[in-house]
Protein backbone atom coordinates (compact mmCIF):
# COMPACT_ATOMS: atom_id res chain seq x y z
CA MET A 1 107.82 103.71 107.40
CA ARG A 2 110.42 101.11 108.09
CA GLU A 3 109.09 97.56 107.64
CA PHE A 4 110.69 94.59 109.63
CA ASP A 5 111.21 91.02 108.49
CA CYS A 6 109.58 88.92 111.11
CA THR A 7 108.55 85.64 112.20
CA ILE A 8 105.56 84.21 113.97
CA LEU A 9 106.62 81.86 117.11
CA GLU A 10 103.44 80.75 118.17
CA GLY A 11 99.54 81.51 118.08
CA HIS A 12 96.97 79.22 119.33
CA ARG A 13 98.17 76.97 122.49
CA ASP A 14 96.19 73.96 123.59
CA LYS A 15 96.15 72.66 127.25
CA ASP A 16 99.30 70.90 127.38
CA ARG A 17 101.34 73.84 125.58
CA GLN A 18 99.88 76.55 127.70
CA ASN A 19 100.62 74.68 131.07
CA GLN A 20 104.21 73.67 129.55
CA MET A 21 104.62 77.31 129.02
CA VAL A 22 103.58 78.46 132.57
CA ALA A 23 105.80 75.25 134.06
CA GLU A 24 108.82 76.93 132.21
CA GLY A 25 108.24 80.28 133.29
CA LYS A 26 107.34 81.73 129.99
CA SER A 27 103.58 82.37 130.90
CA GLN A 28 101.98 83.16 134.13
CA ILE A 29 98.46 81.80 133.08
CA ARG A 30 97.36 78.44 133.07
CA TRP A 31 94.99 77.12 130.66
CA PRO A 32 92.35 78.06 129.73
CA GLY A 33 92.93 81.68 131.06
CA GLY A 34 95.24 82.80 128.41
CA LYS A 35 94.56 84.73 125.05
CA HIS A 36 96.56 82.11 123.33
CA ASN A 37 93.82 79.57 124.57
CA THR A 38 90.87 80.72 122.30
CA VAL A 39 89.94 79.85 119.02
CA PRO A 40 90.80 81.80 116.90
CA SER A 41 93.82 82.84 119.01
CA LEU A 42 93.67 86.36 120.55
CA ALA A 43 97.37 86.36 121.12
CA VAL A 44 100.43 85.82 119.22
CA ASP A 45 104.17 85.47 119.72
CA VAL A 46 106.08 87.42 116.95
CA THR A 47 109.63 88.52 116.57
CA PRO A 48 111.81 90.26 114.20
CA TYR A 49 113.98 88.42 112.30
CA PRO A 50 116.73 86.98 112.67
CA ILE A 51 115.94 86.27 116.34
CA LYS A 52 118.22 88.07 118.86
CA TRP A 53 116.36 86.93 122.18
CA ASP A 54 118.66 89.29 124.33
CA ASP A 55 117.97 92.44 122.41
CA ARG A 56 115.58 94.63 124.14
CA GLU A 57 116.02 97.52 122.21
CA ARG A 58 115.13 95.92 119.13
CA GLN A 59 112.17 94.03 120.46
CA THR A 60 110.83 97.57 122.03
CA LEU A 61 111.42 99.03 118.40
CA PHE A 62 109.51 96.24 116.89
CA ALA A 63 106.77 96.54 119.45
CA GLY A 64 106.59 100.31 118.40
CA TYR A 65 106.08 99.62 115.09
CA VAL A 66 103.33 96.61 115.41
CA LEU A 67 101.52 98.92 117.92
CA ALA A 68 101.23 101.74 115.72
CA THR A 69 100.68 99.73 112.81
CA ALA A 70 97.61 97.94 114.63
CA LYS A 71 96.34 101.44 115.63
CA SER A 72 96.45 102.80 112.22
CA MET A 73 94.15 99.80 111.19
CA GLY A 74 91.80 100.45 114.30
CA VAL A 75 92.91 97.40 116.13
CA THR A 76 94.15 98.01 119.81
CA LEU A 77 96.99 95.75 121.07
CA ARG A 78 98.58 94.85 124.31
CA TRP A 79 102.26 94.22 124.44
CA GLY A 80 104.10 91.73 127.00
CA GLY A 81 106.72 94.61 127.41
CA ASP A 82 104.06 97.11 128.77
CA TRP A 83 101.02 95.00 130.07
CA ASP A 84 99.53 98.21 131.64
CA ARG A 85 99.81 100.01 128.28
CA ASP A 86 101.32 103.30 130.28
CA THR A 87 104.32 103.41 127.82
CA GLU A 88 106.74 102.43 130.59
CA VAL A 89 108.55 99.51 129.53
CA ARG A 90 110.63 98.87 132.54
CA ASP A 91 107.94 98.88 135.07
CA ASN A 92 106.62 94.89 134.44
CA SER A 93 106.99 92.43 136.94
CA PHE A 94 107.04 89.61 133.90
CA ASP A 95 108.48 90.48 130.51
CA ASP A 96 107.05 88.57 127.43
CA LEU A 97 108.60 90.93 124.67
CA VAL A 98 107.53 88.65 121.69
CA HIS A 99 103.54 88.64 122.89
CA PHE A 100 101.03 90.63 121.44
CA GLU A 101 97.28 90.39 122.07
CA ILE A 102 93.95 91.95 120.87
CA VAL A 103 92.35 94.19 123.45
CA GLU A 104 88.74 93.35 123.38
CA GLY A 105 85.98 95.93 123.97
C-alpha cells in the first residue's frame, strides 16, 4: 500500500476560530455545532504534503487512502468531499477536501 507524507492543518477549534472559519466561507457550521468543536476533536483537517490546494484529484486519492485505512481499523469516517458518503464526489454543495470526521454510532 502506498503511504502519504501528510500534514495536520487543524483539529480542535475554539469559538472564535470556528466562527472565523464560517465568516471566511471555510465552514458552514457555527460554534458549538461542529465536530472540530468537541474535546477531544471529532474532526481533523489533513492534507498530503506538500500542500497543493487546487489539486482535487490528489485530495480525492488521499481521501480514499485515509478512508480505507480507517475502515481497516474499524473506524468510520466522513470526508468533506463526499458528505453523504455515496461515493459521488461531485454532488456536494460545499466541498471541504481536507476535512475528515469520525462518524458516531
